Amino acid sequence: MKNLGKAIDSLIQIDPGFEEKLKPIKNKWRRWPDKTTKYWAELLEFLNTDSLISHPQRDKIKNAVNTNRKRKRVLYSFDTLLPNDQIIGNIPGNIADKIRKQDRRSIDIAKLRVEADLTRDLDLMSELVRRDHVLDIETKKIWLYLRDYFNLWKKPGSYNIRNKNGVLFLVVQKQSQPAHYVKPGVIKVDPVLLKKFFRYMGLELPPDLEG
């Protein structure tokens, strides 16, 4: 809500004829600020009288008492869609909302971590450790939803979430060579290690590994 005194001053500037009626309201407000709601009611009652409904400066009068707060833009950490990103598809609204919520949580945790480090607040640090674990669990759930929705279980790749004009997209990065996909619990091996494994098992080397 706007400051009552400033609103009254603006109204008097619009129409000096208001001063006789509005000055006493302002004086009472200064004397008894705890009754601000009551004095706002008096002001609005005056402004809504029949004679003022058709006031030639009606729009200015409305602007003088209305609170014109700029809506705070919510910031996210998503990278913008890049030319070398291969789009898998746009993320459906219900999952995108979860992702945005998770992103805001991660940003809030990062801010609090800076505060905890500066103040050496051990209680806050321990709480942030817990939040990190919860965030990790929820993030894994989201990626489970994405893999199910886009049927990615048989499509290994380096997937990322990108933003374009407020819409979230799932993309896979193009690579000059096929991406190596390592399943949990599986060791990635190179040709040398693979040769040793076949020899250890007493198996013949595949033609591709000979030489």
C-alpha atoms as a PDB file:
ATOM      1  CA  MET A   1       0.000   0.000   0.000  1.00  0.00           C
ATOM      2  CA  LYS A   2       1.200   3.482  -0.807  1.00  0.00           C
ATOM      3  CA  ASN A   3       2.168   5.954   1.885  1.00  0.00           C
ATOM      4  CA  LEU A   4      -1.059   7.773   2.810  1.00  0.00           C
ATOM      5  CA  GLY A   5       0.612  11.149   3.199  1.00  0.00           C
ATOM      6  CA  LYS A   6       2.293  10.938  -0.227  1.00  0.00           C
ATOM      7  CA  ALA A   7      -0.968   9.809  -1.832  1.00  0.00           C
ATOM      8  CA  ILE A   8      -2.805  12.811  -0.387  1.00  0.00           C
ATOM      9  CA  ASP A   9      -0.052  15.194  -1.537  1.00  0.00           C
ATOM     10  CA  SER A  10      -0.322  13.759  -5.074  1.00  0.00           C
ATOM     11  CA  LEU A  11      -4.097  14.187  -5.055  1.00  0.00           C
ATOM     12  CA  ILE A  12      -3.841  17.807  -3.958  1.00  0.00           C
ATOM     13  CA  GLN A  13      -1.387  18.461  -6.799  1.00  0.00           C
ATOM     14  CA  ILE A  14      -3.912  16.992  -9.238  1.00  0.00           C
ATOM     15  CA  ASP A  15      -6.739  19.145  -7.877  1.00  0.00           C
ATOM     16  CA  PRO A  16      -5.899  21.837  -5.272  1.00  0.00           C
ATOM     17  CA  GLY A  17      -9.593  21.901  -4.393  1.00  0.00           C
ATOM     18  CA  PHE A  18      -9.076  18.596  -2.557  1.00  0.00           C
ATOM     19  CA  GLU A  19      -6.871  20.249   0.079  1.00  0.00           C
ATOM     20  CA  GLU A  20      -9.723  21.419   2.328  1.00  0.00           C
ATOM     21  CA  LYS A  21     -11.065  17.862   2.633  1.00  0.00           C
ATOM     22  CA  LEU A  22      -7.838  15.845   2.517  1.00  0.00           C
ATOM     23  CA  LYS A  23      -5.534  17.957   4.690  1.00  0.00           C
ATOM     24  CA  PRO A  24      -7.440  17.043   7.915  1.00  0.00           C
ATOM     25  CA  ILE A  25      -7.201  13.331   7.018  1.00  0.00           C
ATOM     26  CA  LYS A  26      -3.444  13.682   6.569  1.00  0.00           C
ATOM     27  CA  ASN A  27      -3.077  15.525   9.882  1.00  0.00           C
ATOM     28  CA  LYS A  28      -5.046  12.826  11.735  1.00  0.00           C
ATOM     29  CA  TRP A  29      -2.931  10.147  10.085  1.00  0.00           C
ATOM     30  CA  ARG A  30       0.269  11.851  11.250  1.00  0.00           C
ATOM     31  CA  ARG A  31      -1.080  12.107  14.791  1.00  0.00           C
ATOM     32  CA  TRP A  32      -2.461   8.560  14.997  1.00  0.00           C
ATOM     33  CA  PRO A  33      -0.509   6.427  12.478  1.00  0.00           C
ATOM     34  CA  ASP A  34      -1.856   3.225  14.048  1.00  0.00           C
ATOM     35  CA  LYS A  35      -5.251   4.110  12.545  1.00  0.00           C
ATOM     36  CA  THR A  36      -3.921   4.210   8.982  1.00  0.00           C
ATOM     37  CA  THR A  37      -6.545   1.758   7.717  1.00  0.00           C
ATOM     38  CA  LYS A  38      -9.341   3.979   9.032  1.00  0.00           C
ATOM     39  CA  TYR A  39      -7.939   7.076   7.293  1.00  0.00           C
ATOM     40  CA  TRP A  40      -7.461   5.203   4.022  1.00  0.00           C
ATOM     41  CA  ALA A  41     -11.150   4.294   4.249  1.00  0.00           C
ATOM     42  CA  GLU A  42     -12.024   7.981   4.713  1.00  0.00           C
ATOM     43  CA  LEU A  43      -9.901   8.934   1.715  1.00  0.00           C
ATOM     44  CA  LEU A  44     -11.424   6.282  -0.556  1.00  0.00           C
ATOM     45  CA  GLU A  45     -14.937   7.193   0.564  1.00  0.00           C
ATOM     46  CA  PHE A  46     -14.262  10.785  -0.462  1.00  0.00           C
ATOM     47  CA  LEU A  47     -12.785   9.777  -3.826  1.00  0.00           C
ATOM     48  CA  ASN A  48     -15.808   7.583  -4.616  1.00  0.00           C
ATOM     49  CA  THR A  49     -18.414  10.264  -4.077  1.00  0.00           C
ATOM     50  CA  ASP A  50     -20.725  10.910  -7.013  1.00  0.00           C
ATOM     51  CA  SER A  51     -19.153  14.277  -7.747  1.00  0.00           C
ATOM     52  CA  LEU A  52     -15.700  12.761  -8.202  1.00  0.00           C
ATOM     53  CA  ILE A  53     -16.685   9.701 -10.245  1.00  0.00           C
ATOM     54  CA  SER A  54     -16.883  11.932 -13.307  1.00  0.00           C
ATOM     55  CA  HIS A  55     -13.838  14.041 -12.405  1.00  0.00           C
ATOM     56  CA  PRO A  56     -11.889  14.982 -15.581  1.00  0.00           C
ATOM     57  CA  GLN A  57      -8.660  13.814 -13.930  1.00  0.00           C
ATOM     58  CA  ARG A  58     -10.150  10.506 -12.745  1.00  0.00           C
ATOM     59  CA  ASP A  59      -7.342   8.370 -14.217  1.00  0.00           C
ATOM     60  CA  LYS A  60      -4.671  10.461 -12.498  1.00  0.00           C
ATOM     61  CA  ILE A  61      -6.606  10.211  -9.240  1.00  0.00           C
ATOM     62  CA  LYS A  62      -6.606   6.403  -9.523  1.00  0.00           C
ATOM     63  CA  ASN A  63      -2.884   6.326 -10.224  1.00  0.00           C
ATOM     64  CA  ALA A  64      -2.239   8.530  -7.196  1.00  0.00           C
ATOM     65  CA  VAL A  65      -3.695   5.954  -4.803  1.00  0.00           C
ATOM     66  CA  ASN A  66      -2.896   2.714  -6.615  1.00  0.00           C
ATOM     67  CA  THR A  67       0.261   0.808  -5.781  1.00  0.00           C
ATOM     68  CA  ASN A  68       2.177   0.279  -8.998  1.00  0.00           C
ATOM     69  CA  ARG A  69       4.640  -2.358  -7.941  1.00  0.00           C
ATOM     70  CA  LYS A  70       6.862  -3.773 -10.612  1.00  0.00           C
ATOM     71  CA  ARG A  71       6.621  -7.505 -10.684  1.00  0.00           C
ATOM     72  CA  LYS A  72       9.929  -8.989  -9.676  1.00  0.00           C
ATOM     73  CA  ARG A  73      11.370 -11.110 -12.463  1.00  0.00           C
ATOM     74  CA  VAL A  74      12.204 -14.596 -11.308  1.00  0.00           C
ATOM     75  CA  LEU A  75      15.702 -15.607 -12.369  1.00  0.00           C
ATOM     76  CA  TYR A  76      16.741 -19.127 -13.298  1.00  0.00           C
ATOM     77  CA  SER A  77      20.073 -20.748 -14.094  1.00  0.00           C
ATOM     78  CA  PHE A  78      19.125 -22.495 -17.351  1.00  0.00           C
ATOM     79  CA  ASP A  79      21.432 -21.960 -20.318  1.00  0.00           C
ATOM     80  CA  THR A  80      19.957 -20.633 -23.539  1.00  0.00           C
ATOM     81  CA  LEU A  81      19.303 -23.056 -26.370  1.00  0.00           C
ATOM     82  CA  LEU A  82      22.453 -23.288 -28.518  1.00  0.00           C
ATOM     83  CA  PRO A  83      22.791 -23.930 -32.263  1.00  0.00           C
ATOM     84  CA  ASN A  84      24.725 -27.165 -31.667  1.00  0.00           C
ATOM     85  CA  ASP A  85      22.031 -28.570 -29.364  1.00  0.00           C
ATOM     86  CA  GLN A  86      19.967 -31.350 -30.853  1.00  0.00           C
ATOM     87  CA  ILE A  87      16.450 -30.901 -29.508  1.00  0.00           C
ATOM     88  CA  ILE A  88      14.785 -34.018 -28.144  1.00  0.00           C
ATOM     89  CA  GLY A  89      11.577 -32.135 -27.404  1.00  0.00           C
ATOM     90  CA  ASN A  90      10.019 -29.420 -25.288  1.00  0.00           C
ATOM     91  CA  ILE A  91       9.459 -30.464 -21.693  1.00  0.00           C
ATOM     92  CA  PRO A  92       5.766 -30.785 -20.727  1.00  0.00           C
ATOM     93  CA  GLY A  93       4.380 -28.175 -18.349  1.00  0.00           C
ATOM     94  CA  ASN A  94       3.963 -30.369 -15.266  1.00  0.00           C
ATOM     95  CA  ILE A  95       7.587 -31.558 -15.400  1.00  0.00           C
ATOM     96  CA  ALA A  96       8.871 -28.100 -16.409  1.00  0.00           C
ATOM     97  CA  ASP A  97       7.242 -26.610 -13.305  1.00  0.00           C
ATOM     98  CA  LYS A  98       9.045 -29.172 -11.130  1.00  0.00           C
ATOM     99  CA  ILE A  99      12.330 -28.354 -12.855  1.00  0.00           C
ATOM    100  CA  ARG A 100      11.910 -24.605 -12.342  1.00  0.00           C
ATOM    101  CA  LYS A 101      11.067 -25.172  -8.696  1.00  0.00           C
ATOM    102  CA  GLN A 102      14.165 -27.329  -8.255  1.00  0.00           C
ATOM    103  CA  ASP A 103      16.300 -24.727  -9.989  1.00  0.00           C
ATOM    104  CA  ARG A 104      15.068 -21.997  -7.634  1.00  0.00           C
ATOM    105  CA  ARG A 105      15.819 -24.256  -4.674  1.00  0.00           C
ATOM    106  CA  SER A 106      19.361 -24.837  -5.890  1.00  0.00           C
ATOM    107  CA  ILE A 107      19.877 -21.078  -6.318  1.00  0.00           C
ATOM    108  CA  ASP A 108      18.506 -20.378  -2.827  1.00  0.00           C
ATOM    109  CA  ILE A 109      20.770 -23.060  -1.342  1.00  0.00           C
ATOM    110  CA  ALA A 110      23.778 -21.566  -3.143  1.00  0.00           C
ATOM    111  CA  LYS A 111      22.990 -18.127  -1.687  1.00  0.00           C
ATOM    112  CA  LEU A 112      22.592 -19.541   1.814  1.00  0.00           C
ATOM    113  CA  ARG A 113      25.849 -21.467   1.454  1.00  0.00           C
ATOM    114  CA  VAL A 114      27.691 -18.209   0.824  1.00  0.00           C
ATOM    115  CA  GLU A 115      26.040 -16.750   3.924  1.00  0.00           C
ATOM    116  CA  ALA A 116      26.949 -19.819   5.988  1.00  0.00           C
ATOM    117  CA  ASP A 117      30.577 -19.680   4.847  1.00  0.00           C
ATOM    118  CA  LEU A 118      30.877 -15.977   5.659  1.00  0.00           C
ATOM    119  CA  THR A 119      29.197 -16.203   9.063  1.00  0.00           C
ATOM    120  CA  ARG A 120      30.539 -19.668   9.939  1.00  0.00           C
ATOM    121  CA  ASP A 121      27.017 -20.611  10.983  1.00  0.00           C
ATOM    122  CA  LEU A 122      27.333 -24.311  11.833  1.00  0.00           C
ATOM    123  CA  ASP A 123      23.581 -24.801  12.268  1.00  0.00           C
ATOM    124  CA  LEU A 124      22.915 -23.347   8.832  1.00  0.00           C
ATOM    125  CA  MET A 125      25.701 -25.435   7.317  1.00  0.00           C
ATOM    126  CA  SER A 126      24.212 -28.661   8.695  1.00  0.00           C
ATOM    127  CA  GLU A 127      20.757 -27.669   7.435  1.00  0.00           C
ATOM    128  CA  LEU A 128      22.200 -27.017   3.963  1.00  0.00           C
ATOM    129  CA  VAL A 129      23.774 -30.483   3.910  1.00  0.00           C
ATOM    130  CA  ARG A 130      20.324 -31.949   4.507  1.00  0.00           C
ATOM    131  CA  ARG A 131      18.769 -29.720   1.835  1.00  0.00           C
ATOM    132  CA  ASP A 132      21.431 -30.814  -0.637  1.00  0.00           C
ATOM    133  CA  HIS A 133      20.515 -34.457  -0.082  1.00  0.00           C
ATOM    134  CA  VAL A 134      16.810 -33.752  -0.522  1.00  0.00           C
ATOM    135  CA  LEU A 135      17.538 -31.714  -3.657  1.00  0.00           C
ATOM    136  CA  ASP A 136      19.618 -34.545  -5.091  1.00  0.00           C
ATOM    137  CA  ILE A 137      16.829 -37.069  -4.503  1.00  0.00           C
ATOM    138  CA  GLU A 138      14.202 -34.824  -6.093  1.00  0.00           C
ATOM    139  CA  THR A 139      16.487 -34.081  -9.055  1.00  0.00           C
ATOM    140  CA  LYS A 140      16.953 -37.787  -9.725  1.00  0.00           C
ATOM    141  CA  LYS A 141      13.170 -38.213  -9.674  1.00  0.00           C
ATOM    142  CA  ILE A 142      12.798 -35.468 -12.268  1.00  0.00           C
ATOM    143  CA  TRP A 143      15.342 -37.114 -14.552  1.00  0.00           C
ATOM    144  CA  LEU A 144      13.440 -40.370 -14.115  1.00  0.00           C
ATOM    145  CA  TYR A 145      10.281 -38.604 -15.324  1.00  0.00           C
ATOM    146  CA  LEU A 146      12.176 -37.142 -18.294  1.00  0.00           C
ATOM    147  CA  ARG A 147      13.699 -40.472 -19.316  1.00  0.00           C
ATOM    148  CA  ASP A 148      10.298 -42.143 -19.107  1.00  0.00           C
ATOM    149  CA  TYR A 149       8.513 -39.381 -21.002  1.00  0.00           C
ATOM    150  CA  PHE A 150      11.052 -39.197 -23.850  1.00  0.00           C
ATOM    151  CA  ASN A 151      11.846 -42.948 -23.739  1.00  0.00           C
ATOM    152  CA  LEU A 152      15.572 -42.358 -23.312  1.00  0.00           C
ATOM    153  CA  TRP A 153      16.548 -45.608 -21.627  1.00  0.00           C
ATOM    154  CA  LYS A 154      17.910 -47.044 -24.894  1.00  0.00           C
ATOM    155  CA  LYS A 155      19.302 -43.717 -26.113  1.00  0.00           C
ATOM    156  CA  PRO A 156      22.542 -42.941 -24.276  1.00  0.00           C
ATOM    157  CA  GLY A 157      23.780 -39.392 -24.559  1.00  0.00           C
ATOM    158  CA  SER A 158      24.715 -36.210 -22.762  1.00  0.00           C
ATOM    159  CA  TYR A 159      21.359 -34.606 -22.013  1.00  0.00           C
ATOM    160  CA  ASN A 160      20.791 -31.068 -20.812  1.00  0.00           C
ATOM    161  CA  ILE A 161      17.909 -28.703 -20.158  1.00  0.00           C
ATOM    162  CA  ARG A 162      17.891 -25.484 -22.148  1.00  0.00           C
ATOM    163  CA  ASN A 163      15.666 -22.429 -22.150  1.00  0.00           C
ATOM    164  CA  LYS A 164      14.278 -20.486 -25.086  1.00  0.00           C
ATOM    165  CA  ASN A 165      11.741 -17.708 -24.554  1.00  0.00           C
ATOM    166  CA  GLY A 166      10.608 -19.234 -21.266  1.00  0.00           C
ATOM    167  CA  VAL A 167      10.096 -22.724 -22.715  1.00  0.00           C
ATOM    168  CA  LEU A 168      12.287 -25.561 -21.438  1.00  0.00           C
ATOM    169  CA  PHE A 169      13.734 -28.045 -23.913  1.00  0.00           C
ATOM    170  CA  LEU A 170      15.532 -31.322 -23.430  1.00  0.00           C
ATOM    171  CA  VAL A 171      18.557 -31.468 -25.702  1.00  0.00           C
ATOM    172  CA  VAL A 172      21.407 -33.802 -26.438  1.00  0.00           C
ATOM    173  CA  GLN A 173      24.751 -32.299 -27.304  1.00  0.00           C
ATOM    174  CA  LYS A 174      26.132 -33.156 -30.729  1.00  0.00           C
ATOM    175  CA  GLN A 175      29.554 -34.754 -30.605  1.00  0.00           C
ATOM    176  CA  SER A 176      32.075 -35.506 -33.288  1.00  0.00           C
ATOM    177  CA  GLN A 177      32.464 -39.015 -31.846  1.00  0.00           C
ATOM    178  CA  PRO A 178      29.780 -41.267 -30.348  1.00  0.00           C
ATOM    179  CA  ALA A 179      29.264 -40.530 -26.680  1.00  0.00           C
ATOM    180  CA  HIS A 180      30.465 -43.110 -24.187  1.00  0.00           C
ATOM    181  CA  TYR A 181      27.675 -44.186 -21.917  1.00  0.00           C
ATOM    182  CA  VAL A 182      28.631 -45.853 -18.666  1.00  0.00           C
ATOM    183  CA  LYS A 183      25.899 -47.589 -16.716  1.00  0.00           C
ATOM    184  CA  PRO A 184      26.070 -47.551 -12.916  1.00  0.00           C
ATOM    185  CA  GLY A 185      28.437 -50.250 -11.703  1.00  0.00           C
ATOM    186  CA  VAL A 186      29.993 -50.844 -15.153  1.00  0.00           C
ATOM    187  CA  ILE A 187      33.666 -50.039 -15.742  1.00  0.00           C
ATOM    188  CA  LYS A 188      34.551 -48.297 -18.989  1.00  0.00           C
ATOM    189  CA  VAL A 189      37.409 -50.186 -20.654  1.00  0.00           C
ATOM    190  CA  ASP A 190      39.805 -49.294 -23.431  1.00  0.00           C
ATOM    191  CA  PRO A 191      41.075 -51.766 -26.097  1.00  0.00           C
ATOM    192  CA  VAL A 192      44.225 -52.646 -24.110  1.00  0.00           C
ATOM    193  CA  LEU A 193      42.256 -53.547 -20.990  1.00  0.00           C
ATOM    194  CA  LEU A 194      39.748 -55.446 -23.099  1.00  0.00           C
ATOM    195  CA  LYS A 195      42.521 -57.554 -24.671  1.00  0.00           C
ATOM    196  CA  LYS A 196      43.853 -58.434 -21.213  1.00  0.00           C
ATOM    197  CA  PHE A 197      40.347 -59.444 -20.143  1.00  0.00           C
ATOM    198  CA  PHE A 198      39.890 -61.820 -23.118  1.00  0.00           C
ATOM    199  CA  ARG A 199      43.329 -63.376 -22.571  1.00  0.00           C
ATOM    200  CA  TYR A 200      42.649 -63.791 -18.860  1.00  0.00           C
ATOM    201  CA  MET A 201      39.395 -65.585 -19.653  1.00  0.00           C
ATOM    202  CA  GLY A 202      41.125 -67.776 -22.240  1.00  0.00           C
ATOM    203  CA  LEU A 203      38.970 -66.451 -25.063  1.00  0.00           C
ATOM    204  CA  GLU A 204      39.906 -65.703 -28.613  1.00  0.00           C
ATOM    205  CA  LEU A 205      40.304 -62.055 -29.444  1.00  0.00           C
ATOM    206  CA  PRO A 206      37.612 -60.563 -31.711  1.00  0.00           C
ATOM    207  CA  PRO A 207      39.025 -59.569 -35.147  1.00  0.00           C
ATOM    208  CA  ASP A 208      38.672 -55.893 -34.282  1.00  0.00           C
ATOM    209  CA  LEU A 209      41.037 -56.288 -31.305  1.00  0.00           C
ATOM    210  CA  GLU A 210      43.778 -58.286 -33.013  1.00  0.00           C
ATOM    211  CA  GLY A 211      47.011 -56.620 -33.938  1.00  0.00           C
END
